[in-house]
């Protein structure tokens, strides 16, 4: 007969608190991810198809490296549609881990889990959504922007918008809506002075180049 052990009340209370905190973290992530997905669709809908979408400030670099690393595979992703299977094979995971690691020091929350649409012609729905690290999300959405796969959800062409850059107006630090921008470069945006101060040690190296 197996002996049973009574759990002390203080240990049980601590375990309950840990579980509650984990649930809170999960809920906070879900709210943040959902909010970002909503802002992303509104952003795409605001960008004319003859303009240039800019999600990161370094879109051209990320796109070039994506093409070098995944260009061959991407030719089979017709219409910009990707599958979870194609992204999560052992080989694909290793390749993406190496790709993502390049941006550990350059992209805030580079490995943060984001919601990614599988079919770019459709919005975020449970059937059309998977989870991807932030740099992977950026690479795939930048690729879609550059090659026209997001055109169906973008705004119609606008007179005078040829080549005009439309930057995603979200905080470079936390991803929240960003009404503020760096007064020097006038490119990088922030939700608050607190996030701007946090980002300055990194941003100051590129501020004068933007």
N, C-alpha and C. Protein backbone atom coordinates (compact mmCIF):
# COMPACT_ATOMS: atom_id res chain seq x y z
N UNK A 1 0.86 -1.19 0.00
CA UNK A 1 0.00 0.00 0.00
C UNK A 1 0.88 1.23 0.00
N UNK A 2 0.59 2.16 -0.93
CA UNK A 2 1.43 3.35 -1.03
C UNK A 2 1.09 4.34 0.07
N UNK A 3 2.15 4.84 0.71
CA UNK A 3 1.94 5.82 1.77
C UNK A 3 1.57 7.17 1.15
N UNK A 4 0.75 7.91 1.86
CA UNK A 4 0.37 9.25 1.41
C UNK A 4 1.03 10.28 2.30
N UNK A 5 1.29 11.45 1.76
CA UNK A 5 1.92 12.51 2.54
C UNK A 5 1.02 13.73 2.52
N UNK A 6 0.76 14.26 3.65
CA UNK A 6 -0.08 15.46 3.74
C UNK A 6 0.75 16.69 3.41
N UNK A 7 0.23 17.51 2.52
CA UNK A 7 0.94 18.73 2.12
C UNK A 7 0.66 19.82 3.15
N UNK A 8 1.71 20.42 3.71
CA UNK A 8 1.52 21.50 4.68
C UNK A 8 0.71 22.63 4.06
N UNK A 9 -0.17 23.26 4.82
CA UNK A 9 -1.02 24.34 4.28
C UNK A 9 -0.23 25.47 3.64
N UNK A 10 0.93 25.85 4.24
CA UNK A 10 1.69 26.97 3.67
C UNK A 10 2.26 26.62 2.30
N UNK A 11 2.65 25.33 2.10
CA UNK A 11 3.16 24.90 0.80
C UNK A 11 2.03 24.91 -0.23
N UNK A 12 0.86 24.45 0.18
CA UNK A 12 -0.29 24.44 -0.72
C UNK A 12 -0.67 25.86 -1.13
N UNK A 13 -0.63 26.79 -0.17
CA UNK A 13 -0.95 28.19 -0.48
C UNK A 13 0.07 28.77 -1.47
N UNK A 14 1.36 28.44 -1.25
CA UNK A 14 2.41 28.94 -2.15
C UNK A 14 2.24 28.38 -3.55
N UNK A 15 1.88 27.10 -3.64
CA UNK A 15 1.66 26.48 -4.95
C UNK A 15 0.49 27.13 -5.66
N UNK A 16 -0.58 27.40 -4.91
CA UNK A 16 -1.74 28.06 -5.50
C UNK A 16 -1.37 29.45 -6.02
N UNK A 17 -0.53 30.15 -5.26
CA UNK A 17 -0.12 31.50 -5.67
C UNK A 17 0.72 31.45 -6.94
N UNK A 18 1.63 30.46 -7.02
CA UNK A 18 2.45 30.31 -8.22
C UNK A 18 1.57 30.04 -9.44
N UNK A 19 0.60 29.13 -9.28
CA UNK A 19 -0.31 28.82 -10.39
C UNK A 19 -1.10 30.06 -10.81
N UNK A 20 -1.56 30.81 -9.81
CA UNK A 20 -2.31 32.04 -10.11
C UNK A 20 -1.45 33.03 -10.87
N UNK A 21 -0.18 33.17 -10.44
CA UNK A 21 0.73 34.10 -11.12
C UNK A 21 1.00 33.66 -12.56
N UNK A 22 1.16 32.34 -12.76
CA UNK A 22 1.38 31.83 -14.11
C UNK A 22 0.18 32.11 -15.00
N UNK A 23 -1.03 31.94 -14.44
CA UNK A 23 -2.23 32.24 -15.20
C UNK A 23 -2.28 33.72 -15.56
N UNK A 24 -1.83 34.57 -14.63
CA UNK A 24 -1.79 36.00 -14.89
C UNK A 24 -0.82 36.35 -15.99
N UNK A 25 0.35 35.70 -15.99
CA UNK A 25 1.35 35.93 -17.04
C UNK A 25 0.79 35.52 -18.39
N UNK A 26 0.15 34.35 -18.43
CA UNK A 26 -0.42 33.86 -19.68
C UNK A 26 -1.50 34.81 -20.19
N UNK A 27 -2.34 35.30 -19.28
CA UNK A 27 -3.40 36.23 -19.68
C UNK A 27 -2.81 37.53 -20.19
N UNK A 28 -1.75 38.01 -19.53
CA UNK A 28 -1.11 39.26 -19.95
C UNK A 28 -0.49 39.09 -21.34
N UNK A 29 0.15 37.94 -21.58
CA UNK A 29 0.72 37.69 -22.90
C UNK A 29 -0.37 37.64 -23.96
N UNK A 30 -1.46 36.94 -23.67
CA UNK A 30 -2.55 36.81 -24.65
C UNK A 30 -3.12 38.18 -25.00
N UNK A 31 -3.26 39.04 -23.99
CA UNK A 31 -3.78 40.39 -24.23
C UNK A 31 -2.81 41.18 -25.10
N UNK A 32 -1.54 41.11 -24.77
CA UNK A 32 -0.54 41.86 -25.54
C UNK A 32 -0.44 41.36 -26.97
N UNK A 33 -0.44 40.03 -27.14
CA UNK A 33 -0.35 39.45 -28.48
C UNK A 33 -1.58 39.80 -29.31
N UNK A 34 -2.75 39.73 -28.69
CA UNK A 34 -3.97 40.07 -29.40
C UNK A 34 -4.02 41.54 -29.78
N UNK A 35 -3.55 42.39 -28.88
CA UNK A 35 -3.51 43.83 -29.15
C UNK A 35 -2.56 44.12 -30.31
N UNK A 36 -1.41 43.45 -30.32
CA UNK A 36 -0.45 43.65 -31.41
C UNK A 36 -1.03 43.18 -32.74
N UNK A 37 -1.72 42.05 -32.74
CA UNK A 37 -2.32 41.54 -33.97
C UNK A 37 -3.34 42.52 -34.52
N UNK A 38 -4.13 43.10 -33.63
CA UNK A 38 -5.14 44.08 -34.07
C UNK A 38 -4.48 45.32 -34.66
N UNK A 39 -3.41 45.80 -34.01
CA UNK A 39 -2.71 46.98 -34.52
C UNK A 39 -2.05 46.68 -35.85
N UNK A 40 -1.55 45.46 -35.99
CA UNK A 40 -0.89 45.08 -37.24
C UNK A 40 -1.86 45.13 -38.40
N UNK A 41 -3.08 44.59 -38.23
CA UNK A 41 -4.05 44.61 -39.32
C UNK A 41 -4.49 46.04 -39.63
N UNK A 42 -4.64 46.87 -38.62
CA UNK A 42 -5.01 48.28 -38.86
C UNK A 42 -3.88 49.00 -39.59
N UNK A 43 -2.65 48.67 -39.22
CA UNK A 43 -1.50 49.28 -39.89
C UNK A 43 -1.48 48.89 -41.36
N UNK A 44 -1.61 47.59 -41.67
CA UNK A 44 -1.60 47.15 -43.06
C UNK A 44 -2.71 47.83 -43.86
N UNK A 45 -3.88 47.96 -43.25
CA UNK A 45 -5.01 48.57 -43.94
C UNK A 45 -4.78 50.06 -44.19
N UNK A 46 -3.82 50.66 -43.50
CA UNK A 46 -3.54 52.09 -43.68
C UNK A 46 -2.43 52.37 -44.68
N UNK A 47 -1.70 51.32 -45.09
CA UNK A 47 -0.56 51.50 -45.98
C UNK A 47 -0.99 51.32 -47.44
N UNK A 48 -0.88 52.35 -48.29
CA UNK A 48 -1.21 52.18 -49.71
C UNK A 48 -0.29 51.14 -50.36
N UNK A 49 -0.82 50.42 -51.30
CA UNK A 49 -0.04 49.35 -51.93
C UNK A 49 1.17 49.88 -52.72
N UNK A 50 1.15 51.16 -53.07
CA UNK A 50 2.29 51.71 -53.80
C UNK A 50 3.29 52.40 -52.87
N UNK A 51 3.06 52.30 -51.55
CA UNK A 51 3.99 52.84 -50.57
C UNK A 51 4.90 51.73 -50.06
N UNK A 52 5.76 52.06 -49.13
CA UNK A 52 6.70 51.09 -48.57
C UNK A 52 6.36 50.87 -47.10
N UNK A 53 5.99 49.65 -46.75
CA UNK A 53 5.72 49.31 -45.35
C UNK A 53 7.04 49.06 -44.63
N UNK A 54 7.15 49.57 -43.41
CA UNK A 54 8.37 49.39 -42.62
C UNK A 54 7.99 48.95 -41.22
N UNK A 55 8.28 47.71 -40.89
CA UNK A 55 7.89 47.16 -39.59
C UNK A 55 8.96 47.31 -38.52
N UNK A 56 10.22 47.46 -38.92
CA UNK A 56 11.29 47.36 -37.92
C UNK A 56 12.33 48.47 -37.98
N UNK A 57 12.39 49.20 -39.06
CA UNK A 57 13.49 50.15 -39.25
C UNK A 57 14.69 49.52 -39.92
N UNK A 58 14.73 48.18 -39.94
CA UNK A 58 15.81 47.46 -40.62
C UNK A 58 15.20 46.39 -41.53
N UNK A 59 14.06 46.71 -42.13
CA UNK A 59 13.35 45.74 -42.96
C UNK A 59 14.20 45.22 -44.11
N UNK A 60 14.94 46.10 -44.77
CA UNK A 60 15.73 45.68 -45.92
C UNK A 60 16.77 44.63 -45.53
N UNK A 61 17.39 44.83 -44.39
CA UNK A 61 18.39 43.88 -43.92
C UNK A 61 17.75 42.54 -43.56
N UNK A 62 16.66 42.58 -42.82
CA UNK A 62 15.99 41.34 -42.43
C UNK A 62 15.51 40.59 -43.66
N UNK A 63 14.98 41.31 -44.64
CA UNK A 63 14.50 40.68 -45.87
C UNK A 63 15.64 40.01 -46.62
N UNK A 64 16.77 40.70 -46.75
CA UNK A 64 17.91 40.13 -47.47
C UNK A 64 18.41 38.87 -46.79
N UNK A 65 18.48 38.89 -45.47
CA UNK A 65 18.97 37.71 -44.74
C UNK A 65 17.94 36.58 -44.79
N UNK A 66 16.67 36.93 -44.78
CA UNK A 66 15.63 35.91 -44.91
C UNK A 66 15.75 35.21 -46.26
N UNK A 67 15.93 36.00 -47.33
CA UNK A 67 16.04 35.42 -48.66
C UNK A 67 17.27 34.53 -48.77
N UNK A 68 18.36 34.94 -48.12
CA UNK A 68 19.59 34.13 -48.16
C UNK A 68 19.41 32.82 -47.42
N UNK A 69 18.66 32.86 -46.32
CA UNK A 69 18.51 31.67 -45.48
C UNK A 69 17.34 30.78 -45.89
N UNK A 70 16.25 31.39 -46.36
CA UNK A 70 15.02 30.62 -46.61
C UNK A 70 14.43 30.84 -48.00
N UNK A 71 15.19 31.49 -48.88
CA UNK A 71 14.67 31.78 -50.21
C UNK A 71 14.21 30.56 -50.98
N UNK A 72 14.98 29.47 -50.87
CA UNK A 72 14.61 28.25 -51.59
C UNK A 72 13.29 27.68 -51.08
N UNK A 73 13.14 27.62 -49.75
CA UNK A 73 11.89 27.11 -49.18
C UNK A 73 10.72 28.03 -49.52
N UNK A 74 10.98 29.34 -49.50
CA UNK A 74 9.90 30.30 -49.71
C UNK A 74 9.28 30.21 -51.10
N UNK A 75 10.02 29.68 -52.07
CA UNK A 75 9.46 29.54 -53.41
C UNK A 75 8.28 28.57 -53.44
N UNK A 76 8.20 27.69 -52.44
CA UNK A 76 7.09 26.73 -52.38
C UNK A 76 5.93 27.25 -51.55
N UNK A 77 6.10 28.42 -50.94
CA UNK A 77 5.03 29.01 -50.13
C UNK A 77 4.20 29.92 -51.02
N UNK A 78 3.41 29.34 -51.89
CA UNK A 78 2.65 30.09 -52.89
C UNK A 78 1.74 31.12 -52.23
N UNK A 79 1.79 32.33 -52.77
CA UNK A 79 0.94 33.39 -52.25
C UNK A 79 1.31 33.86 -50.87
N UNK A 80 2.50 33.47 -50.39
CA UNK A 80 2.91 33.87 -49.05
C UNK A 80 2.28 33.04 -47.95
N UNK A 81 1.61 31.95 -48.33
CA UNK A 81 0.95 31.07 -47.34
C UNK A 81 1.98 30.11 -46.77
N UNK A 82 2.06 30.05 -45.45
CA UNK A 82 2.97 29.12 -44.78
C UNK A 82 2.14 28.14 -43.94
N UNK A 83 2.74 27.02 -43.63
CA UNK A 83 2.07 26.04 -42.77
C UNK A 83 2.88 25.86 -41.50
N UNK A 84 2.19 25.47 -40.46
CA UNK A 84 2.89 25.20 -39.21
C UNK A 84 3.92 24.10 -39.40
N UNK A 85 3.58 23.11 -40.21
CA UNK A 85 4.50 22.01 -40.44
C UNK A 85 5.81 22.46 -41.05
N UNK A 86 5.72 23.40 -42.01
CA UNK A 86 6.93 23.88 -42.68
C UNK A 86 7.83 24.68 -41.74
N UNK A 87 7.23 25.28 -40.72
CA UNK A 87 8.01 26.11 -39.79
C UNK A 87 8.55 25.33 -38.60
N UNK A 88 8.00 24.15 -38.36
CA UNK A 88 8.30 23.48 -37.10
C UNK A 88 8.90 22.08 -37.25
N UNK A 89 9.43 21.76 -38.42
CA UNK A 89 10.20 20.53 -38.54
C UNK A 89 11.50 20.73 -37.76
N UNK A 90 12.17 19.67 -37.35
CA UNK A 90 13.44 19.83 -36.63
C UNK A 90 14.45 20.66 -37.41
N UNK A 91 14.53 20.44 -38.74
CA UNK A 91 15.48 21.20 -39.55
C UNK A 91 15.11 22.67 -39.60
N UNK A 92 13.81 22.94 -39.76
CA UNK A 92 13.35 24.33 -39.83
C UNK A 92 13.58 25.04 -38.50
N UNK A 93 13.34 24.35 -37.39
CA UNK A 93 13.55 24.96 -36.08
C UNK A 93 15.01 25.35 -35.89
N UNK A 94 15.92 24.47 -36.29
CA UNK A 94 17.34 24.78 -36.15
C UNK A 94 17.73 25.98 -37.01
N UNK A 95 17.23 26.02 -38.23
CA UNK A 95 17.55 27.12 -39.13
C UNK A 95 16.99 28.44 -38.60
N UNK A 96 15.77 28.41 -38.10
CA UNK A 96 15.16 29.63 -37.57
C UNK A 96 15.82 30.08 -36.28
N UNK A 97 16.22 29.14 -35.45
CA UNK A 97 16.92 29.51 -34.22
C UNK A 97 18.20 30.27 -34.52
N UNK A 98 18.93 29.82 -35.53
CA UNK A 98 20.17 30.50 -35.92
C UNK A 98 19.85 31.88 -36.50
N UNK A 99 18.81 31.96 -37.29
CA UNK A 99 18.41 33.24 -37.89
C UNK A 99 18.01 34.23 -36.81
N UNK A 100 17.18 33.79 -35.89
CA UNK A 100 16.67 34.65 -34.83
C UNK A 100 17.78 35.14 -33.92
N UNK A 101 18.75 34.27 -33.63
CA UNK A 101 19.84 34.62 -32.71
C UNK A 101 20.65 35.82 -33.20
N UNK A 102 20.67 36.07 -34.51
CA UNK A 102 21.42 37.20 -35.04
C UNK A 102 20.93 38.54 -34.50
N UNK A 103 19.66 38.56 -34.08
CA UNK A 103 19.03 39.82 -33.69
C UNK A 103 18.81 39.94 -32.18
N UNK A 104 19.48 39.09 -31.43
CA UNK A 104 19.30 39.11 -29.97
C UNK A 104 19.59 40.49 -29.39
N UNK A 105 20.62 41.16 -29.89
CA UNK A 105 21.03 42.45 -29.33
C UNK A 105 20.43 43.63 -30.10
N UNK A 106 19.70 43.35 -31.18
CA UNK A 106 19.26 44.45 -32.04
C UNK A 106 17.75 44.63 -32.10
N UNK A 107 17.00 43.58 -31.80
CA UNK A 107 15.54 43.67 -31.83
C UNK A 107 15.02 43.41 -30.42
N UNK A 108 14.33 44.39 -29.87
CA UNK A 108 13.79 44.25 -28.51
C UNK A 108 12.81 43.07 -28.47
N UNK A 109 12.90 42.29 -27.41
CA UNK A 109 12.04 41.11 -27.26
C UNK A 109 12.11 40.23 -28.51
N UNK A 110 13.33 40.03 -29.00
CA UNK A 110 13.54 39.35 -30.27
C UNK A 110 12.91 37.95 -30.31
N UNK A 111 12.77 37.32 -29.16
CA UNK A 111 12.27 35.95 -29.09
C UNK A 111 10.87 35.87 -28.50
N UNK A 112 10.23 37.02 -28.34
CA UNK A 112 8.88 37.06 -27.75
C UNK A 112 7.89 36.37 -28.67
N UNK A 113 7.02 35.55 -28.10
CA UNK A 113 6.02 34.85 -28.90
C UNK A 113 4.98 35.83 -29.44
N UNK A 114 4.75 35.75 -30.75
CA UNK A 114 3.79 36.62 -31.44
C UNK A 114 2.77 35.76 -32.17
N UNK A 115 1.67 36.38 -32.57
CA UNK A 115 0.68 35.69 -33.40
C UNK A 115 1.01 35.94 -34.87
N UNK A 116 1.08 34.87 -35.64
CA UNK A 116 1.42 34.95 -37.05
C UNK A 116 0.28 34.39 -37.90
N UNK A 117 -0.14 35.13 -38.91
CA UNK A 117 -1.14 34.62 -39.85
C UNK A 117 -0.49 33.60 -40.78
N UNK A 118 -1.18 32.52 -41.04
CA UNK A 118 -0.66 31.51 -41.97
C UNK A 118 -0.93 31.93 -43.41
N UNK A 119 -2.10 32.48 -43.66
CA UNK A 119 -2.49 32.95 -44.99
C UNK A 119 -2.58 34.47 -44.95
N UNK A 120 -1.73 35.19 -45.70
CA UNK A 120 -1.72 36.64 -45.60
C UNK A 120 -2.93 37.33 -46.21
N UNK A 121 -3.77 36.60 -46.94
CA UNK A 121 -4.96 37.21 -47.52
C UNK A 121 -6.11 37.25 -46.51
N UNK A 122 -5.87 36.65 -45.34
CA UNK A 122 -6.93 36.56 -44.34
C UNK A 122 -6.47 37.23 -43.03
N UNK A 123 -7.44 37.53 -42.18
CA UNK A 123 -7.14 38.15 -40.90
C UNK A 123 -6.74 37.08 -39.88
N UNK A 124 -6.46 37.54 -38.67
CA UNK A 124 -6.13 36.63 -37.57
C UNK A 124 -7.40 35.92 -37.11
N UNK A 125 -7.42 34.62 -37.23
CA UNK A 125 -8.48 33.78 -36.69
C UNK A 125 -7.81 32.56 -36.07
N UNK A 126 -8.50 31.81 -35.22
CA UNK A 126 -7.88 30.61 -34.64
C UNK A 126 -7.35 29.65 -35.69
N UNK A 127 -8.07 29.53 -36.82
CA UNK A 127 -7.66 28.59 -37.86
C UNK A 127 -6.50 29.13 -38.70
N UNK A 128 -6.31 30.44 -38.69
CA UNK A 128 -5.30 31.06 -39.55
C UNK A 128 -4.13 31.63 -38.75
N UNK A 129 -3.96 31.15 -37.54
CA UNK A 129 -2.95 31.74 -36.66
C UNK A 129 -2.08 30.67 -36.02
N UNK A 130 -0.79 30.97 -35.96
CA UNK A 130 0.14 30.16 -35.19
C UNK A 130 1.00 31.10 -34.35
N UNK A 131 1.85 30.54 -33.53
CA UNK A 131 2.72 31.35 -32.67
C UNK A 131 4.13 31.31 -33.23
N UNK A 132 4.77 32.49 -33.29
CA UNK A 132 6.12 32.59 -33.83
C UNK A 132 6.93 33.58 -33.01
N UNK A 133 8.23 33.34 -32.85
CA UNK A 133 9.09 34.33 -32.19
C UNK A 133 9.07 35.65 -32.97
N UNK A 134 9.30 36.74 -32.29
CA UNK A 134 9.14 38.05 -32.91
C UNK A 134 9.97 38.22 -34.18
N UNK A 135 11.23 37.78 -34.17
CA UNK A 135 12.07 37.96 -35.36
C UNK A 135 11.55 37.11 -36.52
N UNK A 136 11.06 35.92 -36.24
CA UNK A 136 10.47 35.10 -37.29
C UNK A 136 9.23 35.79 -37.85
N UNK A 137 8.40 36.33 -36.96
CA UNK A 137 7.21 37.07 -37.40
C UNK A 137 7.61 38.24 -38.29
N UNK A 138 8.62 39.00 -37.86
CA UNK A 138 9.08 40.13 -38.66
C UNK A 138 9.56 39.67 -40.04
N UNK A 139 10.39 38.63 -40.07
CA UNK A 139 10.95 38.16 -41.33
C UNK A 139 9.85 37.75 -42.31
N UNK A 140 8.86 37.02 -41.83
CA UNK A 140 7.80 36.54 -42.72
C UNK A 140 6.88 37.67 -43.16
N UNK A 141 6.55 38.59 -42.25
CA UNK A 141 5.68 39.69 -42.64
C UNK A 141 6.41 40.70 -43.54
N UNK A 142 7.68 40.92 -43.30
CA UNK A 142 8.47 41.79 -44.19
C UNK A 142 8.55 41.17 -45.58
N UNK A 143 8.81 39.87 -45.65
CA UNK A 143 8.83 39.14 -46.93
C UNK A 143 7.50 39.31 -47.66
N UNK A 144 6.40 39.17 -46.95
CA UNK A 144 5.08 39.33 -47.56
C UNK A 144 4.88 40.76 -48.07
N UNK A 145 5.33 41.73 -47.30
CA UNK A 145 5.21 43.13 -47.73
C UNK A 145 6.03 43.38 -48.99
N UNK A 146 7.26 42.90 -48.98
CA UNK A 146 8.18 43.16 -50.08
C UNK A 146 7.72 42.50 -51.38
N UNK A 147 7.09 41.35 -51.29
CA UNK A 147 6.74 40.59 -52.49
C UNK A 147 5.25 40.66 -52.83
N UNK A 148 4.54 41.55 -52.14
CA UNK A 148 3.16 41.82 -52.52
C UNK A 148 2.13 40.85 -51.99
N UNK A 149 2.51 39.95 -51.11
CA UNK A 149 1.55 38.97 -50.61
C UNK A 149 0.54 39.57 -49.63
N UNK A 150 0.86 40.74 -49.08
CA UNK A 150 -0.08 41.41 -48.18
C UNK A 150 -0.96 42.42 -48.89
N UNK A 151 -0.83 42.53 -50.21
CA UNK A 151 -1.55 43.57 -50.95
C UNK A 151 -3.06 43.52 -50.75
N UNK A 152 -3.61 42.31 -50.61
CA UNK A 152 -5.07 42.19 -50.52
C UNK A 152 -5.64 42.80 -49.24
N UNK A 153 -4.81 42.98 -48.22
CA UNK A 153 -5.31 43.57 -46.97
C UNK A 153 -4.76 44.99 -46.76
N UNK A 154 -4.06 45.50 -47.77
CA UNK A 154 -3.53 46.86 -47.68
C UNK A 154 -4.46 47.84 -48.39
N UNK A 155 -4.20 49.13 -48.21
CA UNK A 155 -5.04 50.17 -48.79
C UNK A 155 -4.78 50.28 -50.29
N UNK A 156 -5.74 50.77 -51.06
CA UNK A 156 -5.54 50.98 -52.49
C UNK A 156 -4.39 51.96 -52.74
N UNK A 157 -3.78 51.90 -53.92
CA UNK A 157 -2.71 52.85 -54.23
C UNK A 157 -3.20 54.29 -54.05
N UNK A 158 -2.28 55.13 -53.62
CA UNK A 158 -2.61 56.53 -53.33
C UNK A 158 -1.70 57.44 -54.13
N UNK A 159 -2.26 58.45 -54.72
CA UNK A 159 -1.48 59.39 -55.50
C UNK A 159 -0.43 60.07 -54.62
N UNK A 160 0.80 60.08 -55.09
CA UNK A 160 1.88 60.71 -54.33
C UNK A 160 2.51 59.83 -53.29
N UNK A 161 2.04 58.57 -53.18
CA UNK A 161 2.58 57.68 -52.14
C UNK A 161 3.67 56.76 -52.66
N UNK A 162 4.01 56.85 -53.94
CA UNK A 162 5.04 55.96 -54.49
C UNK A 162 6.35 56.10 -53.71
N UNK A 163 6.79 54.98 -53.13
CA UNK A 163 8.06 54.98 -52.41
C UNK A 163 8.03 55.62 -51.04
N UNK A 164 6.89 56.17 -50.62
CA UNK A 164 6.79 56.78 -49.29
C UNK A 164 6.81 55.68 -48.23
N UNK A 165 7.61 55.87 -47.19
CA UNK A 165 7.74 54.86 -46.14
C UNK A 165 6.67 55.07 -45.07
N UNK A 166 5.90 54.04 -44.81
CA UNK A 166 4.91 54.05 -43.73
C UNK A 166 5.45 53.17 -42.62
N UNK A 167 5.82 53.78 -41.53
CA UNK A 167 6.40 53.02 -40.42
C UNK A 167 5.32 52.59 -39.43
N UNK A 168 5.47 51.39 -38.94
CA UNK A 168 4.55 50.87 -37.93
C UNK A 168 4.73 51.67 -36.66
N UNK A 169 3.71 52.38 -36.24
CA UNK A 169 3.82 53.29 -35.10
C UNK A 169 3.59 52.56 -33.78
N UNK A 170 4.55 51.71 -33.45
CA UNK A 170 4.50 51.01 -32.16
C UNK A 170 5.82 51.25 -31.44
N UNK A 171 5.77 51.11 -30.14
CA UNK A 171 6.95 51.36 -29.30
C UNK A 171 8.07 50.39 -29.64
N UNK A 172 9.26 50.93 -29.82
CA UNK A 172 10.42 50.09 -30.14
C UNK A 172 10.80 49.17 -28.99
N UNK A 173 10.30 49.45 -27.79
CA UNK A 173 10.67 48.67 -26.62
C UNK A 173 9.62 47.62 -26.27
N UNK A 174 8.35 48.06 -26.15
CA UNK A 174 7.33 47.14 -25.63
C UNK A 174 6.25 46.77 -26.64
N UNK A 175 6.21 47.45 -27.79
CA UNK A 175 5.22 47.11 -28.80
C UNK A 175 3.88 47.79 -28.63
N UNK A 176 3.74 48.66 -27.62
CA UNK A 176 2.47 49.37 -27.41
C UNK A 176 2.34 50.51 -28.42
N UNK A 177 1.14 51.09 -28.51
CA UNK A 177 0.93 52.25 -29.37
C UNK A 177 1.92 53.34 -28.98
N UNK A 178 2.50 54.01 -29.99
CA UNK A 178 3.64 54.90 -29.73
C UNK A 178 3.40 56.32 -30.25
N UNK A 179 2.83 57.19 -29.43
CA UNK A 179 2.62 58.59 -29.85
C UNK A 179 3.88 59.43 -29.84
N UNK A 180 4.94 58.97 -29.18
CA UNK A 180 6.18 59.73 -29.06
C UNK A 180 7.21 59.21 -30.05
N UNK A 181 8.15 60.07 -30.45
CA UNK A 181 9.25 59.61 -31.28
C UNK A 181 10.52 60.35 -30.88
N UNK A 182 11.65 59.75 -31.19
CA UNK A 182 12.94 60.35 -30.86
C UNK A 182 13.02 61.73 -31.53
N UNK A 183 13.34 62.74 -30.74
CA UNK A 183 13.38 64.10 -31.27
C UNK A 183 14.58 64.34 -32.17
N UNK A 184 15.58 63.47 -32.09
CA UNK A 184 16.78 63.63 -32.91
C UNK A 184 16.61 63.02 -34.29
N UNK A 185 16.32 61.71 -34.34
CA UNK A 185 16.20 61.04 -35.65
C UNK A 185 14.79 61.12 -36.22
N UNK A 186 13.80 61.32 -35.33
CA UNK A 186 12.38 61.41 -35.72
C UNK A 186 11.90 60.15 -36.44
N UNK A 187 12.52 59.02 -36.13
CA UNK A 187 12.15 57.76 -36.76
C UNK A 187 11.64 56.75 -35.73
N UNK A 188 12.45 56.48 -34.72
CA UNK A 188 12.11 55.47 -33.73
C UNK A 188 11.05 56.01 -32.78
N UNK A 189 10.04 55.20 -32.49
CA UNK A 189 8.90 55.66 -31.71
C UNK A 189 8.82 54.93 -30.37
N UNK A 190 8.17 55.61 -29.40
CA UNK A 190 8.03 55.07 -28.05
C UNK A 190 6.65 55.38 -27.50
N UNK A 191 6.23 54.54 -26.55
CA UNK A 191 4.94 54.77 -25.90
C UNK A 191 5.07 55.73 -24.73
N UNK A 192 6.28 55.84 -24.18
CA UNK A 192 6.48 56.67 -23.00
C UNK A 192 7.94 57.08 -22.89
N UNK A 193 8.21 58.08 -22.04
CA UNK A 193 9.59 58.49 -21.81
C UNK A 193 10.37 57.38 -21.10
N UNK A 194 9.68 56.58 -20.31
CA UNK A 194 10.35 55.48 -19.62
C UNK A 194 10.94 54.49 -20.63
N UNK A 195 10.16 54.12 -21.66
CA UNK A 195 10.67 53.20 -22.68
C UNK A 195 11.77 53.86 -23.50
N UNK A 196 11.65 55.17 -23.73
CA UNK A 196 12.68 55.86 -24.49
C UNK A 196 14.01 55.85 -23.75
N UNK A 197 13.95 56.10 -22.45
CA UNK A 197 15.18 56.06 -21.64
C UNK A 197 15.77 54.66 -21.62
N UNK A 198 14.92 53.66 -21.54
CA UNK A 198 15.39 52.27 -21.52
C UNK A 198 16.10 51.91 -22.82
N UNK A 199 15.63 52.45 -23.93
CA UNK A 199 16.17 52.10 -25.24
C UNK A 199 17.40 52.92 -25.63
N UNK A 200 17.63 54.04 -24.93
CA UNK A 200 18.68 54.96 -25.37
C UNK A 200 20.07 54.32 -25.49
N UNK A 201 20.51 53.48 -24.53
CA UNK A 201 21.84 52.88 -24.67
C UNK A 201 22.03 52.13 -26.00
N UNK A 202 20.95 51.53 -26.50
CA UNK A 202 21.01 50.82 -27.78
C UNK A 202 20.79 51.77 -28.95
N UNK A 203 19.80 52.63 -28.81
CA UNK A 203 19.41 53.50 -29.93
C UNK A 203 20.46 54.56 -30.26
N UNK A 204 21.20 55.01 -29.27
CA UNK A 204 22.14 56.11 -29.52
C UNK A 204 23.21 55.75 -30.55
N UNK A 205 23.50 54.45 -30.69
CA UNK A 205 24.51 54.02 -31.65
C UNK A 205 24.06 54.20 -33.10
N UNK A 206 22.75 54.15 -33.33
CA UNK A 206 22.24 54.27 -34.72
C UNK A 206 21.44 55.54 -34.94
N UNK A 207 21.17 56.29 -33.88
CA UNK A 207 20.27 57.45 -33.97
C UNK A 207 20.71 58.42 -35.07
N UNK A 208 21.99 58.75 -35.11
CA UNK A 208 22.48 59.75 -36.07
C UNK A 208 22.51 59.23 -37.50
N UNK A 209 22.34 57.91 -37.67
CA UNK A 209 22.41 57.32 -39.00
C UNK A 209 21.03 57.22 -39.65
N UNK A 210 19.97 57.40 -38.86
CA UNK A 210 18.61 57.24 -39.38
C UNK A 210 18.12 58.50 -40.06
